[in-house]
All heavy atoms as atom14 arrays in JSON, in Angstrom:
{
  "sequence": "ELAFHTDNPTWNVLGWYCVEQDEHAGNSLLLDLRDVDRVFSAEE",
  "atom14_mask": [
    [1, 1, 1, 1, 1, 1, 1, 1, 1, 0, 0, 0, 0, 0],
    [1, 1, 1, 1, 1, 1, 1, 1, 0, 0, 0, 0, 0, 0],
    [1, 1, 1, 1, 1, 0, 0, 0, 0, 0, 0, 0, 0, 0],
    [1, 1, 1, 1, 1, 1, 1, 1, 1, 1, 1, 0, 0, 0],
    [1, 1, 1, 1, 1, 1, 1, 1, 1, 1, 0, 0, 0, 0],
    [1, 1, 1, 1, 1, 1, 1, 0, 0, 0, 0, 0, 0, 0],
    [1, 1, 1, 1, 1, 1, 1, 1, 0, 0, 0, 0, 0, 0],
    [1, 1, 1, 1, 1, 1, 1, 1, 0, 0, 0, 0, 0, 0],
    [1, 1, 1, 1, 1, 1, 1, 0, 0, 0, 0, 0, 0, 0],
    [1, 1, 1, 1, 1, 1, 1, 0, 0, 0, 0, 0, 0, 0],
    [1, 1, 1, 1, 1, 1, 1, 1, 1, 1, 1, 1, 1, 1],
    [1, 1, 1, 1, 1, 1, 1, 1, 0, 0, 0, 0, 0, 0],
    [1, 1, 1, 1, 1, 1, 1, 0, 0, 0, 0, 0, 0, 0],
    [1, 1, 1, 1, 1, 1, 1, 1, 0, 0, 0, 0, 0, 0],
    [1, 1, 1, 1, 0, 0, 0, 0, 0, 0, 0, 0, 0, 0],
    [1, 1, 1, 1, 1, 1, 1, 1, 1, 1, 1, 1, 1, 1],
    [1, 1, 1, 1, 1, 1, 1, 1, 1, 1, 1, 1, 0, 0],
    [1, 1, 1, 1, 1, 1, 0, 0, 0, 0, 0, 0, 0, 0],
    [1, 1, 1, 1, 1, 1, 1, 0, 0, 0, 0, 0, 0, 0],
    [1, 1, 1, 1, 1, 1, 1, 1, 1, 0, 0, 0, 0, 0],
    [1, 1, 1, 1, 1, 1, 1, 1, 1, 0, 0, 0, 0, 0],
    [1, 1, 1, 1, 1, 1, 1, 1, 0, 0, 0, 0, 0, 0],
    [1, 1, 1, 1, 1, 1, 1, 1, 1, 0, 0, 0, 0, 0],
    [1, 1, 1, 1, 1, 1, 1, 1, 1, 1, 0, 0, 0, 0],
    [1, 1, 1, 1, 1, 0, 0, 0, 0, 0, 0, 0, 0, 0],
    [1, 1, 1, 1, 0, 0, 0, 0, 0, 0, 0, 0, 0, 0],
    [1, 1, 1, 1, 1, 1, 1, 1, 0, 0, 0, 0, 0, 0],
    [1, 1, 1, 1, 1, 1, 0, 0, 0, 0, 0, 0, 0, 0],
    [1, 1, 1, 1, 1, 1, 1, 1, 0, 0, 0, 0, 0, 0],
    [1, 1, 1, 1, 1, 1, 1, 1, 0, 0, 0, 0, 0, 0],
    [1, 1, 1, 1, 1, 1, 1, 1, 0, 0, 0, 0, 0, 0],
    [1, 1, 1, 1, 1, 1, 1, 1, 0, 0, 0, 0, 0, 0],
    [1, 1, 1, 1, 1, 1, 1, 1, 0, 0, 0, 0, 0, 0],
    [1, 1, 1, 1, 1, 1, 1, 1, 1, 1, 1, 0, 0, 0],
    [1, 1, 1, 1, 1, 1, 1, 1, 0, 0, 0, 0, 0, 0],
    [1, 1, 1, 1, 1, 1, 1, 0, 0, 0, 0, 0, 0, 0],
    [1, 1, 1, 1, 1, 1, 1, 1, 0, 0, 0, 0, 0, 0],
    [1, 1, 1, 1, 1, 1, 1, 1, 1, 1, 1, 0, 0, 0],
    [1, 1, 1, 1, 1, 1, 1, 0, 0, 0, 0, 0, 0, 0],
    [1, 1, 1, 1, 1, 1, 1, 1, 1, 1, 1, 0, 0, 0],
    [1, 1, 1, 1, 1, 1, 0, 0, 0, 0, 0, 0, 0, 0],
    [1, 1, 1, 1, 1, 0, 0, 0, 0, 0, 0, 0, 0, 0],
    [1, 1, 1, 1, 1, 1, 1, 1, 1, 0, 0, 0, 0, 0],
    [1, 1, 1, 1, 1, 1, 1, 1, 1, 0, 0, 0, 0, 0]
  ],
  "atom14_positions": [
    [[0.8, -1.23, 0.06], [-0.01, 0.03, 0.06], [0.89, 1.24, 0.03], [1.98, 1.33, 0.6], [-0.88, 0.04, 1.23], [-1.72, 1.13, 1.44], [-2.5, 1.25, 2.69], [-2.11, 0.46, 3.66], [-3.41, 2.03, 2.75], [0.0, 0.0, 0.0], [0.0, 0.0, 0.0], [0.0, 0.0, 0.0], [0.0, 0.0, 0.0], [0.0, 0.0, 0.0]],
    [[0.43, 2.28, -0.72], [1.13, 3.64, -0.7], [0.13, 4.57, -0.06], [-1.0, 4.9, -0.41], [1.4, 4.07, -2.09], [2.46, 3.37, -2.78], [2.62, 3.88, -4.24], [3.88, 3.52, -2.04], [0.0, 0.0, 0.0], [0.0, 0.0, 0.0], [0.0, 0.0, 0.0], [0.0, 0.0, 0.0], [0.0, 0.0, 0.0], [0.0, 0.0, 0.0]],
    [[0.47, 5.05, 1.15], [-0.31, 5.9, 2.08], [-0.42, 7.32, 1.35], [0.35, 7.65, 0.34], [0.25, 6.17, 3.41], [0.0, 0.0, 0.0], [0.0, 0.0, 0.0], [0.0, 0.0, 0.0], [0.0, 0.0, 0.0], [0.0, 0.0, 0.0], [0.0, 0.0, 0.0], [0.0, 0.0, 0.0], [0.0, 0.0, 0.0], [0.0, 0.0, 0.0]],
    [[-1.41, 8.03, 1.57], [-1.7, 9.3, 0.98], [-0.5, 10.23, 1.17], [-0.07, 10.52, 2.25], [-3.07, 9.92, 1.42], [-4.22, 9.27, 0.98], [-4.89, 8.32, 1.81], [-4.77, 9.52, -0.32], [-6.15, 7.7, 1.33], [-5.82, 8.83, -0.77], [-6.52, 7.93, 0.01], [0.0, 0.0, 0.0], [0.0, 0.0, 0.0], [0.0, 0.0, 0.0]],
    [[-0.22, 10.87, 0.05], [0.94, 11.87, 0.1], [0.92, 12.63, -1.11], [0.18, 12.49, -2.13], [2.3, 11.05, 0.08], [2.53, 10.28, -1.19], [1.83, 9.02, -1.37], [3.34, 10.46, -2.27], [2.39, 8.58, -2.62], [3.18, 9.5, -3.1], [0.0, 0.0, 0.0], [0.0, 0.0, 0.0], [0.0, 0.0, 0.0], [0.0, 0.0, 0.0]],
    [[1.84, 13.65, -1.17], [2.04, 14.39, -2.43], [3.46, 14.19, -2.81], [4.34, 13.57, -2.05], [1.98, 15.95, -2.14], [2.67, 16.31, -1.05], [0.46, 16.36, -1.94], [0.0, 0.0, 0.0], [0.0, 0.0, 0.0], [0.0, 0.0, 0.0], [0.0, 0.0, 0.0], [0.0, 0.0, 0.0], [0.0, 0.0, 0.0], [0.0, 0.0, 0.0]],
    [[3.75, 14.57, -4.06], [5.16, 14.36, -4.61], [5.8, 15.74, -4.58], [5.4, 16.67, -3.85], [5.04, 13.74, -5.99], [4.67, 12.38, -6.03], [4.68, 11.75, -5.0], [4.67, 11.92, -7.16], [0.0, 0.0, 0.0], [0.0, 0.0, 0.0], [0.0, 0.0, 0.0], [0.0, 0.0, 0.0], [0.0, 0.0, 0.0], [0.0, 0.0, 0.0]],
    [[7.07, 15.83, -5.01], [7.79, 17.01, -5.12], [6.92, 18.28, -5.31], [6.29, 18.28, -6.36], [9.04, 16.86, -6.19], [9.99, 17.94, -6.05], [9.66, 19.0, -5.92], [11.2, 17.57, -6.31], [0.0, 0.0, 0.0], [0.0, 0.0, 0.0], [0.0, 0.0, 0.0], [0.0, 0.0, 0.0], [0.0, 0.0, 0.0], [0.0, 0.0, 0.0]],
    [[6.97, 19.21, -4.36], [6.13, 20.28, -4.59], [6.41, 21.25, -5.72], [5.56, 22.12, -6.06], [6.18, 21.12, -3.28], [7.5, 20.67, -2.69], [7.76, 19.32, -3.18], [0.0, 0.0, 0.0], [0.0, 0.0, 0.0], [0.0, 0.0, 0.0], [0.0, 0.0, 0.0], [0.0, 0.0, 0.0], [0.0, 0.0, 0.0], [0.0, 0.0, 0.0]],
    [[7.53, 21.12, -6.34], [7.88, 21.89, -7.58], [7.08, 21.29, -8.83], [7.15, 21.98, -9.91], [9.36, 22.01, -7.84], [9.94, 20.73, -8.09], [10.09, 22.6, -6.61], [0.0, 0.0, 0.0], [0.0, 0.0, 0.0], [0.0, 0.0, 0.0], [0.0, 0.0, 0.0], [0.0, 0.0, 0.0], [0.0, 0.0, 0.0], [0.0, 0.0, 0.0]],
    [[6.66, 20.14, -8.69], [5.81, 19.52, -9.76], [4.38, 19.85, -9.53], [3.66, 19.25, -8.66], [6.0, 18.08, -9.7], [7.39, 17.56, -9.81], [8.44, 18.23, -10.26], [7.88, 16.25, -9.45], [9.62, 17.46, -10.24], [9.24, 16.19, -9.71], [7.26, 15.14, -8.93], [9.98, 15.01, -9.41], [8.05, 14.0, -8.74], [9.42, 13.97, -8.93]],
    [[3.84, 20.99, -10.13], [2.52, 21.33, -10.0], [1.43, 20.37, -10.37], [0.43, 20.15, -9.7], [2.3, 22.68, -10.84], [3.36, 23.63, -10.63], [4.46, 23.52, -11.1], [3.0, 24.69, -9.77], [0.0, 0.0, 0.0], [0.0, 0.0, 0.0], [0.0, 0.0, 0.0], [0.0, 0.0, 0.0], [0.0, 0.0, 0.0], [0.0, 0.0, 0.0]],
    [[1.76, 19.62, -11.5], [0.82, 18.69, -12.0], [1.5, 17.25, -12.15], [2.57, 17.18, -12.65], [0.31, 19.11, -13.46], [-0.51, 18.07, -14.05], [-0.49, 20.37, -13.32], [0.0, 0.0, 0.0], [0.0, 0.0, 0.0], [0.0, 0.0, 0.0], [0.0, 0.0, 0.0], [0.0, 0.0, 0.0], [0.0, 0.0, 0.0], [0.0, 0.0, 0.0]],
    [[0.82, 16.28, -11.75], [1.16, 14.9, -12.02], [0.17, 14.23, -12.96], [-0.96, 14.44, -12.79], [1.3, 14.16, -10.78], [2.23, 14.42, -9.62], [1.96, 13.52, -8.41], [3.61, 14.41, -10.13], [0.0, 0.0, 0.0], [0.0, 0.0, 0.0], [0.0, 0.0, 0.0], [0.0, 0.0, 0.0], [0.0, 0.0, 0.0], [0.0, 0.0, 0.0]],
    [[0.77, 13.52, -13.9], [-0.2, 12.83, -14.84], [0.39, 11.3, -14.93], [1.43, 10.96, -14.8], [0.0, 0.0, 0.0], [0.0, 0.0, 0.0], [0.0, 0.0, 0.0], [0.0, 0.0, 0.0], [0.0, 0.0, 0.0], [0.0, 0.0, 0.0], [0.0, 0.0, 0.0], [0.0, 0.0, 0.0], [0.0, 0.0, 0.0], [0.0, 0.0, 0.0]],
    [[-0.75, 10.39, -14.94], [-0.38, 8.99, -15.11], [-1.13, 8.5, -16.4], [-2.41, 8.81, -16.65], [-0.97, 8.24, -13.84], [-0.21, 8.54, -12.57], [0.75, 7.83, -12.08], [-0.61, 9.55, -11.64], [1.12, 8.4, -10.84], [0.3, 9.28, -10.49], [-1.62, 10.46, -11.52], [0.25, 10.18, -9.43], [-1.62, 11.3, -10.44], [-0.67, 11.09, -9.35]],
    [[-0.51, 7.74, -17.14], [-1.04, 7.03, -18.27], [-0.93, 5.53, -17.97], [0.03, 5.02, -17.68], [-0.2, 7.38, -19.58], [-0.71, 6.7, -20.79], [-1.72, 7.29, -21.56], [-0.05, 5.52, -21.31], [-2.16, 6.73, -22.7], [-0.56, 4.97, -22.3], [-1.6, 5.51, -23.27], [-2.06, 4.94, -24.32], [0.0, 0.0, 0.0], [0.0, 0.0, 0.0]],
    [[-2.12, 4.88, -18.2], [-2.11, 3.46, -18.04], [-1.91, 2.66, -19.22], [-2.55, 2.73, -20.21], [-3.76, 3.13, -17.53], [-3.96, 1.36, -17.13], [0.0, 0.0, 0.0], [0.0, 0.0, 0.0], [0.0, 0.0, 0.0], [0.0, 0.0, 0.0], [0.0, 0.0, 0.0], [0.0, 0.0, 0.0], [0.0, 0.0, 0.0], [0.0, 0.0, 0.0]],
    [[-0.74, 1.87, -19.03], [-0.45, 0.95, -20.05], [-1.06, -0.32, -19.82], [-1.55, -0.96, -20.83], [1.14, 0.84, -19.95], [1.54, -0.33, -21.04], [1.77, 2.08, -20.25], [0.0, 0.0, 0.0], [0.0, 0.0, 0.0], [0.0, 0.0, 0.0], [0.0, 0.0, 0.0], [0.0, 0.0, 0.0], [0.0, 0.0, 0.0], [0.0, 0.0, 0.0]],
    [[-1.05, -0.86, -18.51], [-1.71, -2.08, -18.16], [-2.21, -1.92, -16.78], [-1.47, -1.29, -15.89], [-0.85, -3.22, -18.43], [-1.62, -4.6, -18.16], [-0.71, -5.82, -18.64], [0.42, -5.59, -19.14], [-1.11, -6.99, -18.44], [0.0, 0.0, 0.0], [0.0, 0.0, 0.0], [0.0, 0.0, 0.0], [0.0, 0.0, 0.0], [0.0, 0.0, 0.0]],
    [[-3.45, -2.38, -16.47], [-4.08, -2.27, -15.19], [-3.98, -3.6, -14.52], [-4.02, -4.72, -15.05], [-5.46, -1.78, -15.19], [-6.14, -1.54, -13.95], [-5.36, -0.47, -13.03], [-4.4, -0.94, -12.34], [-5.73, 0.78, -13.11], [0.0, 0.0, 0.0], [0.0, 0.0, 0.0], [0.0, 0.0, 0.0], [0.0, 0.0, 0.0], [0.0, 0.0, 0.0]],
    [[-3.88, -3.52, -13.13], [-3.91, -4.7, -12.29], [-5.36, -5.34, -12.45], [-6.3, -4.76, -12.61], [-3.73, -4.45, -10.78], [-3.74, -5.65, -9.92], [-2.62, -6.21, -9.67], [-4.8, -6.04, -9.41], [0.0, 0.0, 0.0], [0.0, 0.0, 0.0], [0.0, 0.0, 0.0], [0.0, 0.0, 0.0], [0.0, 0.0, 0.0], [0.0, 0.0, 0.0]],
    [[-5.36, -6.76, -12.46], [-6.55, -7.41, -12.68], [-7.65, -7.09, -11.63], [-8.91, -7.08, -11.96], [-6.42, -8.93, -12.7], [-7.58, -9.8, -13.14], [-7.22, -11.26, -13.24], [-5.99, -11.6, -13.16], [-8.19, -12.03, -13.52], [0.0, 0.0, 0.0], [0.0, 0.0, 0.0], [0.0, 0.0, 0.0], [0.0, 0.0, 0.0], [0.0, 0.0, 0.0]],
    [[-7.23, -6.99, -10.3], [-8.29, -6.9, -9.34], [-8.13, -5.56, -8.52], [-9.06, -5.06, -7.99], [-8.04, -8.06, -8.32], [-8.2, -9.35, -8.92], [-9.49, -9.82, -9.54], [-7.32, -10.37, -9.17], [-9.26, -10.96, -9.93], [-8.02, -11.43, -9.85], [0.0, 0.0, 0.0], [0.0, 0.0, 0.0], [0.0, 0.0, 0.0], [0.0, 0.0, 0.0]],
    [[-6.87, -4.87, -8.41], [-6.7, -3.84, -7.51], [-6.05, -2.77, -8.42], [-6.16, -2.67, -9.56], [-5.79, -4.21, -6.32], [0.0, 0.0, 0.0], [0.0, 0.0, 0.0], [0.0, 0.0, 0.0], [0.0, 0.0, 0.0], [0.0, 0.0, 0.0], [0.0, 0.0, 0.0], [0.0, 0.0, 0.0], [0.0, 0.0, 0.0], [0.0, 0.0, 0.0]],
    [[-5.33, -1.83, -7.67], [-4.56, -0.75, -8.39], [-5.39, 0.54, -8.69], [-4.86, 1.44, -9.38], [0.0, 0.0, 0.0], [0.0, 0.0, 0.0], [0.0, 0.0, 0.0], [0.0, 0.0, 0.0], [0.0, 0.0, 0.0], [0.0, 0.0, 0.0], [0.0, 0.0, 0.0], [0.0, 0.0, 0.0], [0.0, 0.0, 0.0], [0.0, 0.0, 0.0]],
    [[-6.57, 0.76, -8.07], [-7.27, 1.89, -8.26], [-6.55, 3.13, -7.66], [-5.75, 3.06, -6.66], [-8.63, 1.84, -7.56], [-9.59, 0.96, -8.16], [-9.18, 0.16, -9.12], [-10.81, 0.72, -7.78], [0.0, 0.0, 0.0], [0.0, 0.0, 0.0], [0.0, 0.0, 0.0], [0.0, 0.0, 0.0], [0.0, 0.0, 0.0], [0.0, 0.0, 0.0]],
    [[-6.63, 4.28, -8.36], [-6.04, 5.52, -7.82], [-6.95, 6.18, -6.85], [-8.12, 6.26, -7.07], [-5.82, 6.45, -9.09], [-4.99, 5.92, -10.0], [0.0, 0.0, 0.0], [0.0, 0.0, 0.0], [0.0, 0.0, 0.0], [0.0, 0.0, 0.0], [0.0, 0.0, 0.0], [0.0, 0.0, 0.0], [0.0, 0.0, 0.0], [0.0, 0.0, 0.0]],
    [[-6.33, 6.46, -5.65], [-7.17, 7.06, -4.65], [-6.68, 8.54, -4.38], [-5.51, 8.78, -4.25], [-6.92, 6.28, -3.28], [-7.03, 4.73, -3.48], [-6.8, 4.08, -2.01], [-8.55, 4.5, -3.83], [0.0, 0.0, 0.0], [0.0, 0.0, 0.0], [0.0, 0.0, 0.0], [0.0, 0.0, 0.0], [0.0, 0.0, 0.0], [0.0, 0.0, 0.0]],
    [[-7.64, 9.46, -4.19], [-7.29, 10.93, -4.05], [-8.06, 11.45, -2.85], [-9.24, 11.08, -2.47], [-7.67, 11.7, -5.38], [-7.17, 11.2, -6.66], [-7.79, 12.01, -7.69], [-5.62, 11.29, -6.65], [0.0, 0.0, 0.0], [0.0, 0.0, 0.0], [0.0, 0.0, 0.0], [0.0, 0.0, 0.0], [0.0, 0.0, 0.0], [0.0, 0.0, 0.0]],
    [[-7.42, 12.48, -2.33], [-8.12, 13.37, -1.23], [-7.84, 14.75, -1.57], [-6.74, 15.11, -1.84], [-7.62, 12.96, 0.27], [-7.76, 11.54, 0.8], [-7.11, 11.58, 2.14], [-9.21, 11.16, 0.85], [0.0, 0.0, 0.0], [0.0, 0.0, 0.0], [0.0, 0.0, 0.0], [0.0, 0.0, 0.0], [0.0, 0.0, 0.0], [0.0, 0.0, 0.0]],
    [[-8.89, 15.55, -1.42], [-8.76, 16.92, -1.78], [-8.71, 17.78, -0.57], [-9.58, 17.69, 0.41], [-10.1, 17.35, -2.48], [-10.05, 18.82, -3.09], [-9.05, 19.53, -2.82], [-11.0, 19.15, -3.8], [0.0, 0.0, 0.0], [0.0, 0.0, 0.0], [0.0, 0.0, 0.0], [0.0, 0.0, 0.0], [0.0, 0.0, 0.0], [0.0, 0.0, 0.0]],
    [[-7.46, 18.59, -0.42], [-7.16, 19.32, 0.74], [-7.65, 20.82, 0.54], [-7.21, 21.69, 1.28], [-5.72, 19.32, 1.07], [-5.16, 17.88, 1.34], [-3.81, 17.97, 1.82], [-6.08, 17.03, 2.19], [0.0, 0.0, 0.0], [0.0, 0.0, 0.0], [0.0, 0.0, 0.0], [0.0, 0.0, 0.0], [0.0, 0.0, 0.0], [0.0, 0.0, 0.0]],
    [[-8.4, 21.04, -0.46], [-8.77, 22.54, -0.63], [-9.4, 23.19, 0.42], [-9.23, 24.54, 0.59], [-9.64, 22.67, -1.89], [-9.95, 23.87, -2.5], [-10.82, 23.92, -3.68], [-10.8, 25.18, -4.44], [-11.44, 25.41, -5.6], [-12.22, 24.43, -6.09], [-11.51, 26.54, -6.09], [0.0, 0.0, 0.0], [0.0, 0.0, 0.0], [0.0, 0.0, 0.0]],
    [[-10.15, 22.5, 1.28], [-10.84, 23.24, 2.39], [-10.1, 23.3, 3.66], [-10.69, 23.47, 4.77], [-12.15, 22.43, 2.66], [-11.97, 20.98, 2.96], [-10.95, 20.51, 2.67], [-12.87, 20.32, 3.52], [0.0, 0.0, 0.0], [0.0, 0.0, 0.0], [0.0, 0.0, 0.0], [0.0, 0.0, 0.0], [0.0, 0.0, 0.0], [0.0, 0.0, 0.0]],
    [[-8.8, 23.15, 3.64], [-8.04, 23.15, 4.79], [-8.18, 24.33, 5.72], [-8.27, 24.25, 6.94], [-6.5, 22.87, 4.5], [-5.96, 24.17, 3.76], [-5.67, 22.69, 5.82], [0.0, 0.0, 0.0], [0.0, 0.0, 0.0], [0.0, 0.0, 0.0], [0.0, 0.0, 0.0], [0.0, 0.0, 0.0], [0.0, 0.0, 0.0], [0.0, 0.0, 0.0]],
    [[-8.39, 25.52, 5.1], [-8.53, 26.77, 5.88], [-9.89, 26.89, 6.41], [-10.1, 27.84, 7.27], [-8.06, 27.92, 5.17], [-8.92, 28.18, 3.85], [-9.56, 27.26, 3.4], [-8.74, 29.25, 3.31], [0.0, 0.0, 0.0], [0.0, 0.0, 0.0], [0.0, 0.0, 0.0], [0.0, 0.0, 0.0], [0.0, 0.0, 0.0], [0.0, 0.0, 0.0]],
    [[-10.95, 26.09, 5.97], [-12.2, 26.18, 6.58], [-12.37, 25.18, 7.72], [-13.44, 25.17, 8.41], [-13.23, 25.88, 5.55], [-13.24, 26.89, 4.44], [-14.5, 26.75, 3.58], [-14.58, 25.6, 2.85], [-14.15, 25.39, 1.63], [-13.46, 26.31, 1.01], [-14.29, 24.15, 0.95], [0.0, 0.0, 0.0], [0.0, 0.0, 0.0], [0.0, 0.0, 0.0]],
    [[-11.37, 24.28, 7.93], [-11.45, 23.27, 9.01], [-10.48, 23.64, 10.25], [-11.0, 23.45, 11.37], [-11.0, 21.82, 8.35], [-10.89, 20.78, 9.38], [-11.97, 21.47, 7.25], [0.0, 0.0, 0.0], [0.0, 0.0, 0.0], [0.0, 0.0, 0.0], [0.0, 0.0, 0.0], [0.0, 0.0, 0.0], [0.0, 0.0, 0.0], [0.0, 0.0, 0.0]],
    [[-9.43, 24.17, 9.9], [-8.5, 24.54, 11.04], [-8.6, 25.98, 11.44], [-8.86, 26.82, 10.44], [-7.1, 24.25, 10.52], [-6.83, 22.71, 10.41], [-7.12, 22.01, 9.2], [-6.46, 22.0, 11.53], [-6.89, 20.69, 9.06], [-6.23, 20.53, 11.37], [-6.43, 19.92, 10.19], [0.0, 0.0, 0.0], [0.0, 0.0, 0.0], [0.0, 0.0, 0.0]],
    [[-8.28, 26.3, 12.61], [-8.39, 27.74, 13.09], [-7.21, 28.45, 12.54], [-6.25, 27.84, 12.1], [-8.36, 27.74, 14.64], [-7.19, 27.19, 15.13], [0.0, 0.0, 0.0], [0.0, 0.0, 0.0], [0.0, 0.0, 0.0], [0.0, 0.0, 0.0], [0.0, 0.0, 0.0], [0.0, 0.0, 0.0], [0.0, 0.0, 0.0], [0.0, 0.0, 0.0]],
    [[-7.16, 29.76, 12.79], [-6.16, 30.58, 12.22], [-4.82, 30.16, 12.97], [-3.78, 30.13, 12.33], [-6.32, 32.02, 12.45], [0.0, 0.0, 0.0], [0.0, 0.0, 0.0], [0.0, 0.0, 0.0], [0.0, 0.0, 0.0], [0.0, 0.0, 0.0], [0.0, 0.0, 0.0], [0.0, 0.0, 0.0], [0.0, 0.0, 0.0], [0.0, 0.0, 0.0]],
    [[-4.89, 29.93, 14.25], [-3.75, 29.55, 14.99], [-3.22, 28.07, 14.56], [-2.06, 28.0, 14.44], [-4.17, 29.35, 16.58], [-2.89, 28.98, 17.4], [-3.36, 28.98, 18.87], [-4.43, 29.17, 19.29], [-2.52, 28.49, 19.65], [0.0, 0.0, 0.0], [0.0, 0.0, 0.0], [0.0, 0.0, 0.0], [0.0, 0.0, 0.0], [0.0, 0.0, 0.0]],
    [[-4.17, 27.22, 14.24], [-3.67, 25.92, 13.83], [-3.06, 26.06, 12.38], [-2.12, 25.37, 12.07], [-4.87, 24.97, 13.68], [-5.35, 24.51, 15.08], [-6.68, 23.72, 14.93], [-7.46, 24.03, 14.08], [-6.74, 22.78, 15.86], [0.0, 0.0, 0.0], [0.0, 0.0, 0.0], [0.0, 0.0, 0.0], [0.0, 0.0, 0.0], [0.0, 0.0, 0.0]]
  ]
}
């Protein structure tokens, strides 16, 4: 398993092209952090 993370922050965009997919698993999983400033206080 690969835990949720970002890659090098100088890479603004990541792109993946599928050559061959795993038969049963291998789905891409994403979490959107856009609302971080609506969840955490100014101090946090």
